[in-house]
C-alpha atoms as a PDB file:
ATOM      1  CA  UNK A   1      21.137   9.904 -10.957  1.00  0.00           C
ATOM      2  CA  UNK A   2      18.273   7.748  -9.788  1.00  0.00           C
ATOM      3  CA  UNK A   3      16.044   8.869  -6.885  1.00  0.00           C
ATOM      4  CA  UNK A   4      17.448   6.021  -4.731  1.00  0.00           C
ATOM      5  CA  UNK A   5      21.091   6.265  -5.724  1.00  0.00           C
ATOM      6  CA  UNK A   6      23.559   6.822  -2.953  1.00  0.00           C
ATOM      7  CA  UNK A   7      21.708   4.941  -0.228  1.00  0.00           C
ATOM      8  CA  UNK A   8      23.940   3.515   2.433  1.00  0.00           C
ATOM      9  CA  UNK A   9      23.942  -0.217   2.863  1.00  0.00           C
ATOM     10  CA  UNK A  10      21.503  -1.304   5.592  1.00  0.00           C
ATOM     11  CA  UNK A  11      23.414  -2.313   8.765  1.00  0.00           C
ATOM     12  CA  UNK A  12      23.290  -5.852   9.960  1.00  0.00           C
ATOM     13  CA  UNK A  13      20.033  -6.584  11.683  1.00  0.00           C
ATOM     14  CA  UNK A  14      18.016  -3.850   9.819  1.00  0.00           C
ATOM     15  CA  UNK A  15      16.525  -6.124   7.205  1.00  0.00           C
ATOM     16  CA  UNK A  16      12.989  -5.354   8.407  1.00  0.00           C
ATOM     17  CA  UNK A  17      13.667  -1.563   7.816  1.00  0.00           C
ATOM     18  CA  UNK A  18      14.906  -2.354   4.271  1.00  0.00           C
ATOM     19  CA  UNK A  19      11.772  -4.507   3.709  1.00  0.00           C
ATOM     20  CA  UNK A  20       9.501  -1.548   4.649  1.00  0.00           C
ATOM     21  CA  UNK A  21      11.495   0.764   2.379  1.00  0.00           C
ATOM     22  CA  UNK A  22      11.082  -1.717  -0.432  1.00  0.00           C
ATOM     23  CA  UNK A  23       7.289  -1.905   0.021  1.00  0.00           C
ATOM     24  CA  UNK A  24       6.980   1.914   0.209  1.00  0.00           C
ATOM     25  CA  UNK A  25       8.924   2.207  -3.062  1.00  0.00           C
ATOM     26  CA  UNK A  26       6.697  -0.408  -4.712  1.00  0.00           C
ATOM     27  CA  UNK A  27       3.502   1.606  -3.701  1.00  0.00           C
ATOM     28  CA  UNK A  28       5.125   4.789  -4.947  1.00  0.00           C
ATOM     29  CA  UNK A  29       6.021   3.269  -8.333  1.00  0.00           C
ATOM     30  CA  UNK A  30       2.567   1.617  -8.792  1.00  0.00           C
ATOM     31  CA  UNK A  31       0.916   4.919  -8.069  1.00  0.00           C
ATOM     32  CA  UNK A  32       3.250   6.715 -10.546  1.00  0.00           C
ATOM     33  CA  UNK A  33       3.048   4.118 -13.381  1.00  0.00           C
ATOM     34  CA  UNK A  34      -0.464   2.925 -12.972  1.00  0.00           C
ATOM     35  CA  UNK A  35       0.450  -0.755 -13.428  1.00  0.00           C
ATOM     36  CA  UNK A  36       3.126  -3.425 -13.070  1.00  0.00           C
ATOM     37  CA  UNK A  37       4.361  -3.504 -16.653  1.00  0.00           C
ATOM     38  CA  UNK A  38       7.483  -1.395 -15.928  1.00  0.00           C
ATOM     39  CA  UNK A  39       7.906  -2.680 -12.373  1.00  0.00           C
ATOM     40  CA  UNK A  40      10.973  -4.977 -12.015  1.00  0.00           C
ATOM     41  CA  UNK A  41      13.209  -6.027  -9.115  1.00  0.00           C
ATOM     42  CA  UNK A  42      15.953  -3.929 -10.553  1.00  0.00           C
ATOM     43  CA  UNK A  43      13.606  -0.871 -10.833  1.00  0.00           C
ATOM     44  CA  UNK A  44      12.575  -1.246  -7.224  1.00  0.00           C
ATOM     45  CA  UNK A  45      16.196  -1.676  -6.181  1.00  0.00           C
ATOM     46  CA  UNK A  46      17.129   1.511  -8.070  1.00  0.00           C
ATOM     47  CA  UNK A  47      14.243   3.332  -6.322  1.00  0.00           C
ATOM     48  CA  UNK A  48      15.404   2.240  -2.947  1.00  0.00           C
ATOM     49  CA  UNK A  49      19.128   2.543  -3.581  1.00  0.00           C
ATOM     50  CA  UNK A  50      20.003  -1.014  -3.098  1.00  0.00           C
ATOM     51  CA  UNK A  51      20.609  -4.095  -5.294  1.00  0.00           C
ATOM     52  CA  UNK A  52      18.098  -6.525  -6.977  1.00  0.00           C
ATOM     53  CA  UNK A  53      19.774  -9.305  -5.021  1.00  0.00           C
ATOM     54  CA  UNK A  54      18.722  -7.605  -1.795  1.00  0.00           C
ATOM     55  CA  UNK A  55      15.170  -7.431  -3.000  1.00  0.00           C
ATOM     56  CA  UNK A  56      15.194 -11.180  -3.680  1.00  0.00           C
ATOM     57  CA  UNK A  57      16.342 -11.839  -0.106  1.00  0.00           C
ATOM     58  CA  UNK A  58      12.895 -10.564   0.961  1.00  0.00           C
ATOM     59  CA  UNK A  59      10.587 -11.488  -1.971  1.00  0.00           C
ATOM     60  CA  UNK A  60      10.671 -14.499  -4.288  1.00  0.00           C
ATOM     61  CA  UNK A  61       9.272 -12.794  -7.331  1.00  0.00           C
ATOM     62  CA  UNK A  62       7.353  -9.671  -8.510  1.00  0.00           C
ATOM     63  CA  UNK A  63       3.975 -11.065  -7.655  1.00  0.00           C
ATOM     64  CA  UNK A  64       4.982 -11.654  -3.977  1.00  0.00           C
ATOM     65  CA  UNK A  65       6.469  -8.237  -3.963  1.00  0.00           C
ATOM     66  CA  UNK A  66       3.308  -6.440  -5.176  1.00  0.00           C
ATOM     67  CA  UNK A  67       0.928  -8.448  -3.012  1.00  0.00           C
ATOM     68  CA  UNK A  68       3.063  -7.622   0.044  1.00  0.00           C
ATOM     69  CA  UNK A  69       3.031  -3.938  -0.801  1.00  0.00           C
ATOM     70  CA  UNK A  70      -0.699  -3.878  -1.033  1.00  0.00           C
ATOM     71  CA  UNK A  71      -1.590  -6.291   1.886  1.00  0.00           C
ATOM     72  CA  UNK A  72      -1.796  -3.596   4.500  1.00  0.00           C
ATOM     73  CA  UNK A  73      -4.511  -1.783   2.473  1.00  0.00           C
ATOM     74  CA  UNK A  74      -6.670  -5.016   2.111  1.00  0.00           C
ATOM     75  CA  UNK A  75      -6.060  -5.580   5.806  1.00  0.00           C
ATOM     76  CA  UNK A  76      -7.313  -2.192   6.661  1.00  0.00           C
ATOM     77  CA  UNK A  77     -10.386  -2.581   4.502  1.00  0.00           C
ATOM     78  CA  UNK A  78     -11.255  -5.962   6.069  1.00  0.00           C
ATOM     79  CA  UNK A  79     -10.832  -4.492   9.491  1.00  0.00           C
ATOM     80  CA  UNK A  80     -13.349  -1.730   8.660  1.00  0.00           C
ATOM     81  CA  UNK A  81     -15.772  -4.361   7.361  1.00  0.00           C
ATOM     82  CA  UNK A  82     -15.339  -6.453  10.497  1.00  0.00           C
ATOM     83  CA  UNK A  83     -15.941  -3.372  12.760  1.00  0.00           C
ATOM     84  CA  UNK A  84     -19.124  -2.536  10.850  1.00  0.00           C
ATOM     85  CA  UNK A  85     -20.260  -6.165  11.090  1.00  0.00           C
ATOM     86  CA  UNK A  86     -19.706  -6.147  14.856  1.00  0.00           C
ATOM     87  CA  UNK A  87     -21.589  -2.911  15.305  1.00  0.00           C
ATOM     88  CA  UNK A  88     -24.560  -4.229  13.342  1.00  0.00           C
ATOM     89  CA  UNK A  89     -24.962  -7.520  15.360  1.00  0.00           C
ATOM     90  CA  UNK A  90     -28.255  -6.544  16.938  1.00  0.00           C
ATOM     91  CA  UNK A  91     -29.744  -6.082  13.571  1.00  0.00           C
ATOM     92  CA  UNK A  92     -29.223  -9.703  12.467  1.00  0.00           C
ATOM     93  CA  UNK A  93     -27.209 -11.286   9.700  1.00  0.00           C
ATOM     94  CA  UNK A  94     -28.735  -9.433   6.769  1.00  0.00           C
ATOM     95  CA  UNK A  95     -28.087  -6.101   8.440  1.00  0.00           C
ATOM     96  CA  UNK A  96     -24.577  -7.179   9.171  1.00  0.00           C
ATOM     97  CA  UNK A  97     -23.976  -7.937   5.551  1.00  0.00           C
ATOM     98  CA  UNK A  98     -25.413  -4.634   4.590  1.00  0.00           C
ATOM     99  CA  UNK A  99     -23.102  -2.865   7.076  1.00  0.00           C
ATOM    100  CA  UNK A 100     -20.052  -4.658   5.446  1.00  0.00           C
ATOM    101  CA  UNK A 101     -21.168  -3.583   2.026  1.00  0.00           C
ATOM    102  CA  UNK A 102     -21.489   0.044   3.249  1.00  0.00           C
ATOM    103  CA  UNK A 103     -18.102  -0.072   4.916  1.00  0.00           C
ATOM    104  CA  UNK A 104     -16.531  -1.372   1.685  1.00  0.00           C
ATOM    105  CA  UNK A 105     -18.081   1.545  -0.226  1.00  0.00           C
ATOM    106  CA  UNK A 106     -17.098   4.201   2.255  1.00  0.00           C
ATOM    107  CA  UNK A 107     -13.459   2.920   2.394  1.00  0.00           C
ATOM    108  CA  UNK A 108     -13.289   3.324  -1.306  1.00  0.00           C
ATOM    109  CA  UNK A 109     -14.832   6.845  -1.350  1.00  0.00           C
ATOM    110  CA  UNK A 110     -12.648   7.914   1.593  1.00  0.00           C
ATOM    111  CA  UNK A 111      -9.409   6.447   0.123  1.00  0.00           C
ATOM    112  CA  UNK A 112      -9.642   6.639  -3.663  1.00  0.00           C
ATOM    113  CA  UNK A 113      -5.895   6.511  -4.134  1.00  0.00           C
ATOM    114  CA  UNK A 114      -5.548   3.359  -2.031  1.00  0.00           C
ATOM    115  CA  UNK A 115      -8.566   1.764  -3.728  1.00  0.00           C
ATOM    116  CA  UNK A 116      -7.122   2.373  -7.228  1.00  0.00           C
ATOM    117  CA  UNK A 117      -3.904   0.627  -6.239  1.00  0.00           C
ATOM    118  CA  UNK A 118      -5.861  -2.336  -4.807  1.00  0.00           C
ATOM    119  CA  UNK A 119      -8.362  -2.832  -7.609  1.00  0.00           C
ATOM    120  CA  UNK A 120      -7.774  -0.532 -10.611  1.00  0.00           C
ATOM    121  CA  UNK A 121      -3.981  -0.860 -11.088  1.00  0.00           C
ATOM    122  CA  UNK A 122      -2.906  -3.889 -13.241  1.00  0.00           C
ATOM    123  CA  UNK A 123      -1.257  -6.487 -10.975  1.00  0.00           C
ATOM    124  CA  UNK A 124       0.962  -9.489 -11.961  1.00  0.00           C
ATOM    125  CA  UNK A 125      -0.711 -12.334 -13.774  1.00  0.00           C
ATOM    126  CA  UNK A 126      -0.453 -15.555 -11.831  1.00  0.00           C
ATOM    127  CA  UNK A 127      -1.417 -19.196 -12.304  1.00  0.00           C
ATOM    128  CA  UNK A 128      -4.917 -20.077 -11.230  1.00  0.00           C
ATOM    129  CA  UNK A 129      -3.532 -22.225  -8.473  1.00  0.00           C
ATOM    130  CA  UNK A 130      -1.948 -19.161  -6.793  1.00  0.00           C
ATOM    131  CA  UNK A 131      -4.639 -16.561  -7.034  1.00  0.00           C
ATOM    132  CA  UNK A 132      -6.379 -17.847  -3.881  1.00  0.00           C
ATOM    133  CA  UNK A 133      -3.378 -16.408  -1.899  1.00  0.00           C
ATOM    134  CA  UNK A 134      -4.056 -12.850  -3.021  1.00  0.00           C
ATOM    135  CA  UNK A 135      -4.465 -10.510  -0.041  1.00  0.00           C
ATOM    136  CA  UNK A 136      -7.960  -9.506  -1.308  1.00  0.00           C
ATOM    137  CA  UNK A 137      -9.076 -12.876   0.088  1.00  0.00           C
ATOM    138  CA  UNK A 138      -9.674 -11.102   3.412  1.00  0.00           C
ATOM    139  CA  UNK A 139     -12.450  -9.143   1.702  1.00  0.00           C
ATOM    140  CA  UNK A 140     -14.007 -12.107  -0.219  1.00  0.00           C
ATOM    141  CA  UNK A 141     -13.922 -14.306   3.007  1.00  0.00           C
ATOM    142  CA  UNK A 142     -15.696 -11.598   4.915  1.00  0.00           C
ATOM    143  CA  UNK A 143     -18.484 -11.438   2.399  1.00  0.00           C
ATOM    144  CA  UNK A 144     -18.731 -15.261   2.139  1.00  0.00           C
ATOM    145  CA  UNK A 145     -18.975 -15.567   5.940  1.00  0.00           C
ATOM    146  CA  UNK A 146     -21.798 -12.911   6.024  1.00  0.00           C
ATOM    147  CA  UNK A 147     -23.779 -14.649   3.288  1.00  0.00           C
ATOM    148  CA  UNK A 148     -23.326 -17.970   5.062  1.00  0.00           C
ATOM    149  CA  UNK A 149     -24.807 -16.430   8.188  1.00  0.00           C
ATOM    150  CA  UNK A 150     -27.740 -15.126   6.261  1.00  0.00           C
ATOM    151  CA  UNK A 151     -28.467 -18.597   4.758  1.00  0.00           C
ATOM    152  CA  UNK A 152     -28.109 -20.314   8.132  1.00  0.00           C
ATOM    153  CA  UNK A 153     -30.606 -17.882   9.623  1.00  0.00           C
ATOM    154  CA  UNK A 154     -33.194 -18.681   6.934  1.00  0.00           C
ATOM    155  CA  UNK A 155     -32.689 -15.832   4.524  1.00  0.00           C
ATOM    156  CA  UNK A 156     -33.085 -17.107   0.959  1.00  0.00           C
ATOM    157  CA  UNK A 157     -30.226 -16.507  -1.454  1.00  0.00           C
ATOM    158  CA  UNK A 158     -30.714 -16.294  -5.271  1.00  0.00           C
ATOM    159  CA  UNK A 159     -27.244 -17.663  -5.794  1.00  0.00           C
ATOM    160  CA  UNK A 160     -24.900 -20.026  -3.950  1.00  0.00           C
ATOM    161  CA  UNK A 161     -22.862 -18.437  -1.151  1.00  0.00           C
ATOM    162  CA  UNK A 162     -19.613 -18.234  -2.988  1.00  0.00           C
ATOM    163  CA  UNK A 163     -21.208 -16.770  -6.150  1.00  0.00           C
ATOM    164  CA  UNK A 164     -23.417 -14.376  -4.077  1.00  0.00           C
ATOM    165  CA  UNK A 165     -20.304 -13.002  -2.373  1.00  0.00           C
ATOM    166  CA  UNK A 166     -18.449 -12.604  -5.687  1.00  0.00           C
ATOM    167  CA  UNK A 167     -21.455 -11.004  -7.343  1.00  0.00           C
ATOM    168  CA  UNK A 168     -21.890  -8.470  -4.558  1.00  0.00           C
ATOM    169  CA  UNK A 169     -18.189  -7.644  -4.533  1.00  0.00           C
ATOM    170  CA  UNK A 170     -18.063  -7.251  -8.314  1.00  0.00           C
ATOM    171  CA  UNK A 171     -21.195  -5.062  -8.252  1.00  0.00           C
ATOM    172  CA  UNK A 172     -19.882  -2.725  -5.535  1.00  0.00           C
ATOM    173  CA  UNK A 173     -16.535  -2.438  -7.391  1.00  0.00           C
ATOM    174  CA  UNK A 174     -18.308  -1.493 -10.662  1.00  0.00           C
ATOM    175  CA  UNK A 175     -20.354   1.220  -8.881  1.00  0.00           C
ATOM    176  CA  UNK A 176     -17.208   2.598  -7.220  1.00  0.00           C
ATOM    177  CA  UNK A 177     -15.073   2.574 -10.378  1.00  0.00           C
ATOM    178  CA  UNK A 178     -17.749   4.527 -12.151  1.00  0.00           C
ATOM    179  CA  UNK A 179     -17.860   6.947  -9.276  1.00  0.00           C
ATOM    180  CA  UNK A 180     -14.139   7.365  -9.343  1.00  0.00           C
ATOM    181  CA  UNK A 181     -14.113   7.901 -13.069  1.00  0.00           C
ATOM    182  CA  UNK A 182     -16.890  10.483 -13.228  1.00  0.00           C
ATOM    183  CA  UNK A 183     -16.649  12.322  -9.927  1.00  0.00           C
ATOM    184  CA  UNK A 184     -13.876  13.781  -7.892  1.00  0.00           C
ATOM    185  CA  UNK A 185     -15.235  13.839  -4.374  1.00  0.00           C
ATOM    186  CA  UNK A 186     -17.487  11.786  -2.066  1.00  0.00           C
ATOM    187  CA  UNK A 187     -20.718  13.550  -3.169  1.00  0.00           C
ATOM    188  CA  UNK A 188     -22.044  10.340  -4.627  1.00  0.00           C
ATOM    189  CA  UNK A 189     -21.859   8.479  -1.311  1.00  0.00           C
ATOM    190  CA  UNK A 190     -25.657   8.336  -0.757  1.00  0.00           C
ATOM    191  CA  UNK A 191     -26.247   7.119  -4.302  1.00  0.00           C
ATOM    192  CA  UNK A 192     -23.463   4.497  -4.073  1.00  0.00           C
ATOM    193  CA  UNK A 193     -24.944   3.166  -0.778  1.00  0.00           C
ATOM    194  CA  UNK A 194     -28.462   3.110  -2.302  1.00  0.00           C
ATOM    195  CA  UNK A 195     -27.106   1.098  -5.261  1.00  0.00           C
ATOM    196  CA  UNK A 196     -25.354  -1.194  -2.820  1.00  0.00           C
ATOM    197  CA  UNK A 197     -28.664  -1.811  -1.039  1.00  0.00           C
ATOM    198  CA  UNK A 198     -30.301  -2.628  -4.394  1.00  0.00           C
ATOM    199  CA  UNK A 199     -27.632  -5.237  -5.076  1.00  0.00           C
ATOM    200  CA  UNK A 200     -28.220  -6.838  -1.679  1.00  0.00           C
ATOM    201  CA  UNK A 201     -32.093  -6.833  -2.280  1.00  0.00           C
ATOM    202  CA  UNK A 202     -31.381  -8.706  -5.495  1.00  0.00           C
ATOM    203  CA  UNK A 203     -29.296 -11.353  -3.871  1.00  0.00           C
ATOM    204  CA  UNK A 204     -30.872 -11.914  -0.394  1.00  0.00           C
ATOM    205  CA  UNK A 205     -34.529 -12.160   0.699  1.00  0.00           C
ATOM    206  CA  UNK A 206     -35.610  -9.299   2.941  1.00  0.00           C
ATOM    207  CA  UNK A 207     -36.835 -11.652   5.689  1.00  0.00           C
ATOM    208  CA  UNK A 208     -36.217 -15.252   6.756  1.00  0.00           C
ATOM    209  CA  UNK A 209     -38.290 -17.577   4.617  1.00  0.00           C
ATOM    210  CA  UNK A 210     -39.635 -14.509   2.786  1.00  0.00           C
ATOM    211  CA  UNK A 211     -41.123 -16.599  -0.097  1.00  0.00           C
ATOM    212  CA  UNK A 212     -40.404 -19.666  -2.133  1.00  0.00           C
ATOM    213  CA  UNK A 213     -38.855 -17.867  -5.019  1.00  0.00           C
ATOM    214  CA  UNK A 214     -35.582 -17.806  -3.351  1.00  0.00           C
ATOM    215  CA  UNK A 215     -33.953 -21.084  -4.125  1.00  0.00           C
ATOM    216  CA  UNK A 216     -30.793 -20.815  -2.041  1.00  0.00           C
ATOM    217  CA  UNK A 217     -28.921 -23.276  -4.382  1.00  0.00           C
ATOM    218  CA  UNK A 218     -26.007 -25.286  -2.958  1.00  0.00           C
ATOM    219  CA  UNK A 219     -23.734 -24.730  -5.869  1.00  0.00           C
ATOM    220  CA  UNK A 220     -23.287 -23.686  -9.427  1.00  0.00           C
ATOM    221  CA  UNK A 221     -20.422 -23.974 -12.017  1.00  0.00           C
ATOM    222  CA  UNK A 222     -19.152 -20.530 -10.821  1.00  0.00           C
ATOM    223  CA  UNK A 223     -19.455 -21.417  -7.104  1.00  0.00           C
ATOM    224  CA  UNK A 224     -17.618 -24.608  -7.715  1.00  0.00           C
ATOM    225  CA  UNK A 225     -14.788 -22.751  -9.423  1.00  0.00           C
ATOM    226  CA  UNK A 226     -14.520 -20.221  -6.600  1.00  0.00           C
ATOM    227  CA  UNK A 227     -14.520 -23.089  -4.065  1.00  0.00           C
ATOM    228  CA  UNK A 228     -11.708 -24.788  -5.861  1.00  0.00           C
ATOM    229  CA  UNK A 229      -9.567 -21.727  -5.539  1.00  0.00           C
ATOM    230  CA  UNK A 230     -10.337 -21.690  -1.807  1.00  0.00           C
ATOM    231  CA  UNK A 231      -9.409 -25.325  -1.457  1.00  0.00           C
ATOM    232  CA  UNK A 232      -6.068 -24.836  -3.178  1.00  0.00           C
ATOM    233  CA  UNK A 233      -5.193 -21.951  -0.824  1.00  0.00           C
ATOM    234  CA  UNK A 234      -6.143 -24.128   2.237  1.00  0.00           C
ATOM    235  CA  UNK A 235      -3.842 -26.834   0.810  1.00  0.00           C
ATOM    236  CA  UNK A 236      -0.996 -24.349   0.444  1.00  0.00           C
ATOM    237  CA  UNK A 237      -1.532 -23.047   3.985  1.00  0.00           C
ATOM    238  CA  UNK A 238      -1.402 -26.703   5.332  1.00  0.00           C
ATOM    239  CA  UNK A 239       1.786 -27.291   3.365  1.00  0.00           C
ATOM    240  CA  UNK A 240       3.405 -24.194   4.838  1.00  0.00           C
ATOM    241  CA  UNK A 241       2.344 -25.186   8.340  1.00  0.00           C
ATOM    242  CA  UNK A 242       3.938 -28.707   7.883  1.00  0.00           C
ATOM    243  CA  UNK A 243       7.323 -27.267   6.862  1.00  0.00           C
END
């Protein structure tokens, strides 16, 4: 008998409760299986003790299901970054960016299980036009905004804003993935934060108008591609609001 077998049918008006149970089951299966390859609507339905048709009433496809299951974790991370940013306001935009990077690292070290589900578990493949709707956009938007504030305050950037944000994010993730793979506690926090500072030093001048070697380019092929994903998401949001 499956773990979800025998579940009573949800009473009328309790669809939101069923939705929460579905998302909890998805998180549980992702953690157990380490990826989405075996995850199907039928498998989730079996885990919950309902039917696949009931799952489709709440989620259009597997991608929407997985993203919804993980969205609260991305929202929690973004909230921590926003709080760190606000606390660092007196230090200026560069210090606020640094605070966000540190908050990102500390979230990962404090919540390794959540972080693996967010960034180290294989998620559904989607068309390029859809990836801008991934819940991780909350994190990338936060970094882009911080880099924009640095540039507006006169801090030179070695890369365009969009590419700077993506490079910092990728670098932090690489450091954290190595830490998760090689160590089993938060003993590496000081090293991870020092490496994060090194990434920041490589991307942003230490002072406004520090020297002329920081070109602050407006765009690059990578930044244009990132921007195109953002535009597609904005168009989708406009379409949803017009419905």
